[in-house]
Amino acid sequence: MARRNRAVVKDVLPDPLYNSKLVTKLINQVMLDGKKGLAQQIVYNAFNIIKEKTGTDGLAVYTQALENVKPVLETKGR
């Protein structure tokens, strides 16, 4: 067991454009080598393409996709 203190979990700041923490987490997952600006461009362009093709907001499609992926029932070990 570790004798040091536990690592502090940092809370992510909301995205400046959509004001959503989910978008910030997506940007952080897309980001490579600390290039956050490029990752933001990729995500925002993807949301714009979704808006052009479907006519609905890209953030709404993203949140609906996350809801579809989540498990319906949470299981715990005994």
PDB file of N, CA and C in Angstrom:
ATOM      1  N   MET A   1       0.832  -1.185   0.000  1.00  0.00           N
ATOM      2  CA  MET A   1       0.000   0.000   0.000  1.00  0.00           C
ATOM      3  C   MET A   1       0.870   1.240   0.000  1.00  0.00           C
ATOM      4  N   ALA A   2       0.405   2.247  -0.677  1.00  0.00           N
ATOM      5  CA  ALA A   2       1.150   3.484  -0.755  1.00  0.00           C
ATOM      6  C   ALA A   2       1.054   4.248   0.556  1.00  0.00           C
ATOM      7  N   ARG A   3       2.130   4.845   0.942  1.00  0.00           N
ATOM      8  CA  ARG A   3       2.147   5.596   2.193  1.00  0.00           C
ATOM      9  C   ARG A   3       1.965   7.093   1.972  1.00  0.00           C
ATOM     10  N   ARG A   4       1.976   7.471   0.740  1.00  0.00           N
ATOM     11  CA  ARG A   4       1.789   8.890   0.439  1.00  0.00           C
ATOM     12  C   ARG A   4       0.313   9.213   0.332  1.00  0.00           C
ATOM     13  N   ASN A   5       0.038  10.503   0.189  1.00  0.00           N
ATOM     14  CA  ASN A   5      -1.347  10.937   0.030  1.00  0.00           C
ATOM     15  C   ASN A   5      -1.864  10.525  -1.334  1.00  0.00           C
ATOM     16  N   ARG A   6      -3.163  10.409  -1.436  1.00  0.00           N
ATOM     17  CA  ARG A   6      -3.783  10.083  -2.713  1.00  0.00           C
ATOM     18  C   ARG A   6      -3.681  11.285  -3.651  1.00  0.00           C
ATOM     19  N   ALA A   7      -3.644  10.986  -4.931  1.00  0.00           N
ATOM     20  CA  ALA A   7      -3.583  12.045  -5.922  1.00  0.00           C
ATOM     21  C   ALA A   7      -4.908  12.804  -5.943  1.00  0.00           C
ATOM     22  N   VAL A   8      -4.825  14.104  -6.086  1.00  0.00           N
ATOM     23  CA  VAL A   8      -6.010  14.945  -6.129  1.00  0.00           C
ATOM     24  C   VAL A   8      -6.585  14.894  -7.542  1.00  0.00           C
ATOM     25  N   VAL A   9      -7.865  14.607  -7.645  1.00  0.00           N
ATOM     26  CA  VAL A   9      -8.525  14.561  -8.943  1.00  0.00           C
ATOM     27  C   VAL A   9      -8.894  15.982  -9.338  1.00  0.00           C
ATOM     28  N   LYS A  10      -8.369  16.429 -10.475  1.00  0.00           N
ATOM     29  CA  LYS A  10      -8.647  17.781 -10.933  1.00  0.00           C
ATOM     30  C   LYS A  10      -9.936  17.797 -11.747  1.00  0.00           C
ATOM     31  N   ASP A  11     -10.760  18.778 -11.501  1.00  0.00           N
ATOM     32  CA  ASP A  11     -12.001  18.937 -12.239  1.00  0.00           C
ATOM     33  C   ASP A  11     -11.710  19.736 -13.503  1.00  0.00           C
ATOM     34  N   VAL A  12     -12.221  19.278 -14.646  1.00  0.00           N
ATOM     35  CA  VAL A  12     -11.974  19.975 -15.898  1.00  0.00           C
ATOM     36  C   VAL A  12     -12.868  21.202 -15.996  1.00  0.00           C
ATOM     37  N   LEU A  13     -12.361  22.219 -16.665  1.00  0.00           N
ATOM     38  CA  LEU A  13     -13.140  23.433 -16.874  1.00  0.00           C
ATOM     39  C   LEU A  13     -14.084  23.227 -18.052  1.00  0.00           C
ATOM     40  N   PRO A  14     -15.249  23.857 -18.038  1.00  0.00           N
ATOM     41  CA  PRO A  14     -16.167  23.716 -19.175  1.00  0.00           C
ATOM     42  C   PRO A  14     -15.575  24.314 -20.440  1.00  0.00           C
ATOM     43  N   ASP A  15     -16.028  23.796 -21.550  1.00  0.00           N
ATOM     44  CA  ASP A  15     -15.574  24.244 -22.857  1.00  0.00           C
ATOM     45  C   ASP A  15     -16.015  25.691 -23.096  1.00  0.00           C
ATOM     46  N   PRO A  16     -15.149  26.536 -23.675  1.00  0.00           N
ATOM     47  CA  PRO A  16     -15.546  27.945 -23.859  1.00  0.00           C
ATOM     48  C   PRO A  16     -16.649  28.146 -24.898  1.00  0.00           C
ATOM     49  N   LEU A  17     -16.732  27.272 -25.898  1.00  0.00           N
ATOM     50  CA  LEU A  17     -17.718  27.466 -26.957  1.00  0.00           C
ATOM     51  C   LEU A  17     -19.083  26.884 -26.581  1.00  0.00           C
ATOM     52  N   TYR A  18     -19.104  25.650 -26.087  1.00  0.00           N
ATOM     53  CA  TYR A  18     -20.360  24.979 -25.759  1.00  0.00           C
ATOM     54  C   TYR A  18     -20.668  24.995 -24.262  1.00  0.00           C
ATOM     55  N   ASN A  19     -19.726  25.410 -23.442  1.00  0.00           N
ATOM     56  CA  ASN A  19     -19.877  25.470 -21.987  1.00  0.00           C
ATOM     57  C   ASN A  19     -20.267  24.101 -21.428  1.00  0.00           C
ATOM     58  N   SER A  20     -19.554  23.060 -21.877  1.00  0.00           N
ATOM     59  CA  SER A  20     -19.857  21.697 -21.476  1.00  0.00           C
ATOM     60  C   SER A  20     -18.575  20.989 -21.065  1.00  0.00           C
ATOM     61  N   LYS A  21     -18.633  20.275 -19.938  1.00  0.00           N
ATOM     62  CA  LYS A  21     -17.479  19.510 -19.494  1.00  0.00           C
ATOM     63  C   LYS A  21     -17.284  18.257 -20.333  1.00  0.00           C
ATOM     64  N   LEU A  22     -18.373  17.740 -20.919  1.00  0.00           N
ATOM     65  CA  LEU A  22     -18.261  16.561 -21.776  1.00  0.00           C
ATOM     66  C   LEU A  22     -17.441  16.864 -23.025  1.00  0.00           C
ATOM     67  N   VAL A  23     -17.626  18.048 -23.585  1.00  0.00           N
ATOM     68  CA  VAL A  23     -16.856  18.435 -24.772  1.00  0.00           C
ATOM     69  C   VAL A  23     -15.391  18.603 -24.405  1.00  0.00           C
ATOM     70  N   THR A  24     -15.109  19.148 -23.232  1.00  0.00           N
ATOM     71  CA  THR A  24     -13.730  19.304 -22.782  1.00  0.00           C
ATOM     72  C   THR A  24     -13.063  17.946 -22.622  1.00  0.00           C
ATOM     73  N   LYS A  25     -13.786  16.977 -22.081  1.00  0.00           N
ATOM     74  CA  LYS A  25     -13.227  15.636 -21.937  1.00  0.00           C
ATOM     75  C   LYS A  25     -12.974  15.003 -23.292  1.00  0.00           C
ATOM     76  N   LEU A  26     -13.869  15.236 -24.258  1.00  0.00           N
ATOM     77  CA  LEU A  26     -13.663  14.718 -25.612  1.00  0.00           C
ATOM     78  C   LEU A  26     -12.438  15.350 -26.249  1.00  0.00           C
ATOM     79  N   ILE A  27     -12.273  16.654 -26.077  1.00  0.00           N
ATOM     80  CA  ILE A  27     -11.110  17.351 -26.627  1.00  0.00           C
ATOM     81  C   ILE A  27      -9.826  16.808 -26.012  1.00  0.00           C
ATOM     82  N   ASN A  28      -9.844  16.553 -24.705  1.00  0.00           N
ATOM     83  CA  ASN A  28      -8.655  16.023 -24.052  1.00  0.00           C
ATOM     84  C   ASN A  28      -8.323  14.614 -24.533  1.00  0.00           C
ATOM     85  N   GLN A  29      -9.327  13.829 -24.901  1.00  0.00           N
ATOM     86  CA  GLN A  29      -9.073  12.494 -25.427  1.00  0.00           C
ATOM     87  C   GLN A  29      -8.521  12.554 -26.851  1.00  0.00           C
ATOM     88  N   VAL A  30      -8.962  13.533 -27.626  1.00  0.00           N
ATOM     89  CA  VAL A  30      -8.495  13.676 -29.011  1.00  0.00           C
ATOM     90  C   VAL A  30      -7.082  14.252 -29.052  1.00  0.00           C
ATOM     91  N   MET A  31      -6.723  15.035 -28.050  1.00  0.00           N
ATOM     92  CA  MET A  31      -5.462  15.767 -28.035  1.00  0.00           C
ATOM     93  C   MET A  31      -4.253  14.837 -28.035  1.00  0.00           C
ATOM     94  N   LEU A  32      -3.289  15.141 -28.890  1.00  0.00           N
ATOM     95  CA  LEU A  32      -2.023  14.425 -28.951  1.00  0.00           C
ATOM     96  C   LEU A  32      -0.881  15.407 -28.730  1.00  0.00           C
ATOM     97  N   ASP A  33       0.089  15.024 -27.923  1.00  0.00           N
ATOM     98  CA  ASP A  33       1.300  15.818 -27.677  1.00  0.00           C
ATOM     99  C   ASP A  33       0.997  17.226 -27.175  1.00  0.00           C
ATOM    100  N   GLY A  34      -0.091  17.422 -26.458  1.00  0.00           N
ATOM    101  CA  GLY A  34      -0.410  18.712 -25.874  1.00  0.00           C
ATOM    102  C   GLY A  34      -0.920  19.749 -26.852  1.00  0.00           C
ATOM    103  N   LYS A  35      -1.324  19.338 -28.045  1.00  0.00           N
ATOM    104  CA  LYS A  35      -1.817  20.280 -29.057  1.00  0.00           C
ATOM    105  C   LYS A  35      -3.328  20.441 -28.890  1.00  0.00           C
ATOM    106  N   LYS A  36      -3.701  21.236 -27.911  1.00  0.00           N
ATOM    107  CA  LYS A  36      -5.113  21.394 -27.571  1.00  0.00           C
ATOM    108  C   LYS A  36      -5.870  22.201 -28.627  1.00  0.00           C
ATOM    109  N   GLY A  37      -5.242  23.181 -29.205  1.00  0.00           N
ATOM    110  CA  GLY A  37      -5.900  23.990 -30.234  1.00  0.00           C
ATOM    111  C   GLY A  37      -6.289  23.160 -31.440  1.00  0.00           C
ATOM    112  N   LEU A  38      -5.407  22.267 -31.853  1.00  0.00           N
ATOM    113  CA  LEU A  38      -5.708  21.391 -32.981  1.00  0.00           C
ATOM    114  C   LEU A  38      -6.836  20.429 -32.633  1.00  0.00           C
ATOM    115  N   ALA A  39      -6.825  19.907 -31.409  1.00  0.00           N
ATOM    116  CA  ALA A  39      -7.894  19.008 -30.977  1.00  0.00           C
ATOM    117  C   ALA A  39      -9.228  19.737 -30.930  1.00  0.00           C
ATOM    118  N   GLN A  40      -9.231  20.989 -30.498  1.00  0.00           N
ATOM    119  CA  GLN A  40     -10.466  21.768 -30.488  1.00  0.00           C
ATOM    120  C   GLN A  40     -10.984  21.971 -31.905  1.00  0.00           C
ATOM    121  N   GLN A  41     -10.108  22.269 -32.847  1.00  0.00           N
ATOM    122  CA  GLN A  41     -10.526  22.439 -34.237  1.00  0.00           C
ATOM    123  C   GLN A  41     -11.144  21.165 -34.784  1.00  0.00           C
ATOM    124  N   ILE A  42     -10.548  20.018 -34.466  1.00  0.00           N
ATOM    125  CA  ILE A  42     -11.070  18.748 -34.956  1.00  0.00           C
ATOM    126  C   ILE A  42     -12.466  18.492 -34.408  1.00  0.00           C
ATOM    127  N   VAL A  43     -12.652  18.706 -33.119  1.00  0.00           N
ATOM    128  CA  VAL A  43     -13.951  18.446 -32.492  1.00  0.00           C
ATOM    129  C   VAL A  43     -14.999  19.437 -32.994  1.00  0.00           C
ATOM    130  N   TYR A  44     -14.653  20.708 -33.063  1.00  0.00           N
ATOM    131  CA  TYR A  44     -15.615  21.709 -33.517  1.00  0.00           C
ATOM    132  C   TYR A  44     -16.000  21.481 -34.980  1.00  0.00           C
ATOM    133  N   ASN A  45     -15.032  21.128 -35.817  1.00  0.00           N
ATOM    134  CA  ASN A  45     -15.349  20.830 -37.219  1.00  0.00           C
ATOM    135  C   ASN A  45     -16.237  19.600 -37.329  1.00  0.00           C
ATOM    136  N   ALA A  46     -15.999  18.603 -36.482  1.00  0.00           N
ATOM    137  CA  ALA A  46     -16.856  17.415 -36.488  1.00  0.00           C
ATOM    138  C   ALA A  46     -18.282  17.781 -36.090  1.00  0.00           C
ATOM    139  N   PHE A  47     -18.423  18.647 -35.087  1.00  0.00           N
ATOM    140  CA  PHE A  47     -19.758  19.089 -34.684  1.00  0.00           C
ATOM    141  C   PHE A  47     -20.431  19.884 -35.801  1.00  0.00           C
ATOM    142  N   ASN A  48     -19.660  20.695 -36.539  1.00  0.00           N
ATOM    143  CA  ASN A  48     -20.227  21.450 -37.661  1.00  0.00           C
ATOM    144  C   ASN A  48     -20.670  20.529 -38.783  1.00  0.00           C
ATOM    145  N   ILE A  49     -19.897  19.484 -39.061  1.00  0.00           N
ATOM    146  CA  ILE A  49     -20.276  18.517 -40.100  1.00  0.00           C
ATOM    147  C   ILE A  49     -21.555  17.792 -39.700  1.00  0.00           C
ATOM    148  N   ILE A  50     -21.661  17.431 -38.422  1.00  0.00           N
ATOM    149  CA  ILE A  50     -22.885  16.783 -37.932  1.00  0.00           C
ATOM    150  C   ILE A  50     -24.076  17.713 -38.092  1.00  0.00           C
ATOM    151  N   LYS A  51     -23.877  18.996 -37.799  1.00  0.00           N
ATOM    152  CA  LYS A  51     -24.967  19.971 -37.921  1.00  0.00           C
ATOM    153  C   LYS A  51     -25.400  20.137 -39.370  1.00  0.00           C
ATOM    154  N   GLU A  52     -24.430  20.145 -40.307  1.00  0.00           N
ATOM    155  CA  GLU A  52     -24.762  20.288 -41.722  1.00  0.00           C
ATOM    156  C   GLU A  52     -25.508  19.071 -42.254  1.00  0.00           C
ATOM    157  N   LYS A  53     -25.075  17.875 -41.864  1.00  0.00           N
ATOM    158  CA  LYS A  53     -25.658  16.660 -42.425  1.00  0.00           C
ATOM    159  C   LYS A  53     -26.988  16.284 -41.784  1.00  0.00           C
ATOM    160  N   THR A  54     -27.127  16.506 -40.483  1.00  0.00           N
ATOM    161  CA  THR A  54     -28.358  16.080 -39.806  1.00  0.00           C
ATOM    162  C   THR A  54     -29.308  17.226 -39.522  1.00  0.00           C
ATOM    163  N   GLY A  55     -28.798  18.435 -39.417  1.00  0.00           N
ATOM    164  CA  GLY A  55     -29.647  19.574 -39.100  1.00  0.00           C
ATOM    165  C   GLY A  55     -29.852  19.775 -37.614  1.00  0.00           C
ATOM    166  N   THR A  56     -29.328  18.863 -36.792  1.00  0.00           N
ATOM    167  CA  THR A  56     -29.438  19.013 -35.343  1.00  0.00           C
ATOM    168  C   THR A  56     -28.092  19.461 -34.792  1.00  0.00           C
ATOM    169  N   ASP A  57     -28.109  19.921 -33.562  1.00  0.00           N
ATOM    170  CA  ASP A  57     -26.893  20.411 -32.924  1.00  0.00           C
ATOM    171  C   ASP A  57     -25.911  19.264 -32.703  1.00  0.00           C
ATOM    172  N   GLY A  58     -24.641  19.513 -32.943  1.00  0.00           N
ATOM    173  CA  GLY A  58     -23.622  18.486 -32.771  1.00  0.00           C
ATOM    174  C   GLY A  58     -23.475  18.043 -31.333  1.00  0.00           C
ATOM    175  N   LEU A  59     -23.640  18.966 -30.401  1.00  0.00           N
ATOM    176  CA  LEU A  59     -23.541  18.624 -28.984  1.00  0.00           C
ATOM    177  C   LEU A  59     -24.686  17.702 -28.573  1.00  0.00           C
ATOM    178  N   ALA A  60     -25.876  17.938 -29.106  1.00  0.00           N
ATOM    179  CA  ALA A  60     -27.020  17.077 -28.787  1.00  0.00           C
ATOM    180  C   ALA A  60     -26.801  15.669 -29.322  1.00  0.00           C
ATOM    181  N   VAL A  61     -26.243  15.553 -30.505  1.00  0.00           N
ATOM    182  CA  VAL A  61     -25.958  14.239 -31.078  1.00  0.00           C
ATOM    183  C   VAL A  61     -24.892  13.532 -30.259  1.00  0.00           C
ATOM    184  N   TYR A  62     -23.889  14.277 -29.812  1.00  0.00           N
ATOM    185  CA  TYR A  62     -22.809  13.693 -29.008  1.00  0.00           C
ATOM    186  C   TYR A  62     -23.332  13.191 -27.662  1.00  0.00           C
ATOM    187  N   THR A  63     -24.157  13.989 -26.989  1.00  0.00           N
ATOM    188  CA  THR A  63     -24.695  13.560 -25.691  1.00  0.00           C
ATOM    189  C   THR A  63     -25.636  12.367 -25.860  1.00  0.00           C
ATOM    190  N   GLN A  64     -26.401  12.334 -26.959  1.00  0.00           N
ATOM    191  CA  GLN A  64     -27.285  11.189 -27.210  1.00  0.00           C
ATOM    192  C   GLN A  64     -26.461   9.933 -27.484  1.00  0.00           C
ATOM    193  N   ALA A  65     -25.351  10.080 -28.186  1.00  0.00           N
ATOM    194  CA  ALA A  65     -24.474   8.940 -28.436  1.00  0.00           C
ATOM    195  C   ALA A  65     -23.877   8.414 -27.138  1.00  0.00           C
ATOM    196  N   LEU A  66     -23.503   9.310 -26.231  1.00  0.00           N
ATOM    197  CA  LEU A  66     -22.991   8.879 -24.934  1.00  0.00           C
ATOM    198  C   LEU A  66     -24.056   8.149 -24.123  1.00  0.00           C
ATOM    199  N   GLU A  67     -25.286   8.623 -24.186  1.00  0.00           N
ATOM    200  CA  GLU A  67     -26.377   7.954 -23.475  1.00  0.00           C
ATOM    201  C   GLU A  67     -26.636   6.568 -24.044  1.00  0.00           C
ATOM    202  N   ASN A  68     -26.495   6.404 -25.364  1.00  0.00           N
ATOM    203  CA  ASN A  68     -26.707   5.109 -25.995  1.00  0.00           C
ATOM    204  C   ASN A  68     -25.604   4.121 -25.630  1.00  0.00           C
ATOM    205  N   VAL A  69     -24.411   4.611 -25.359  1.00  0.00           N
ATOM    206  CA  VAL A  69     -23.277   3.744 -25.066  1.00  0.00           C
ATOM    207  C   VAL A  69     -23.265   3.311 -23.604  1.00  0.00           C
ATOM    208  N   LYS A  70     -23.800   4.121 -22.722  1.00  0.00           N
ATOM    209  CA  LYS A  70     -23.787   3.814 -21.295  1.00  0.00           C
ATOM    210  C   LYS A  70     -24.547   2.524 -21.009  1.00  0.00           C
ATOM    211  N   PRO A  71     -24.093   1.781 -20.025  1.00  0.00           N
ATOM    212  CA  PRO A  71     -24.871   0.598 -19.638  1.00  0.00           C
ATOM    213  C   PRO A  71     -26.179   1.001 -18.957  1.00  0.00           C
ATOM    214  N   VAL A  72     -27.207   0.168 -19.157  1.00  0.00           N
ATOM    215  CA  VAL A  72     -28.506   0.479 -18.599  1.00  0.00           C
ATOM    216  C   VAL A  72     -28.525   0.181 -17.101  1.00  0.00           C
ATOM    217  N   LEU A  73     -27.862  -0.909 -16.704  1.00  0.00           N
ATOM    218  CA  LEU A  73     -27.883  -1.334 -15.330  1.00  0.00           C
ATOM    219  C   LEU A  73     -26.464  -1.414 -14.797  1.00  0.00           C
ATOM    220  N   GLU A  74     -26.235  -0.817 -13.647  1.00  0.00           N
ATOM    221  CA  GLU A  74     -24.907  -0.851 -13.039  1.00  0.00           C
ATOM    222  C   GLU A  74     -24.780  -2.102 -12.190  1.00  0.00           C
ATOM    223  N   THR A  75     -23.680  -2.836 -12.381  1.00  0.00           N
ATOM    224  CA  THR A  75     -23.447  -4.036 -11.588  1.00  0.00           C
ATOM    225  C   THR A  75     -22.273  -3.803 -10.660  1.00  0.00           C
ATOM    226  N   LYS A  76     -22.322  -4.456  -9.504  1.00  0.00           N
ATOM    227  CA  LYS A  76     -21.245  -4.340  -8.536  1.00  0.00           C
ATOM    228  C   LYS A  76     -20.771  -5.728  -8.156  1.00  0.00           C
ATOM    229  N   GLY A  77     -19.502  -5.832  -7.861  1.00  0.00           N
ATOM    230  CA  GLY A  77     -18.952  -7.105  -7.404  1.00  0.00           C
ATOM    231  C   GLY A  77     -19.424  -7.426  -6.009  1.00  0.00           C
ATOM    232  N   ARG A  78     -19.392  -8.689  -5.697  1.00  0.00           N
ATOM    233  CA  ARG A  78     -19.849  -9.098  -4.373  1.00  0.00           C
ATOM    234  C   ARG A  78     -18.777  -8.924  -3.331  1.00  0.00           C
TER     235      ARG A  78
END
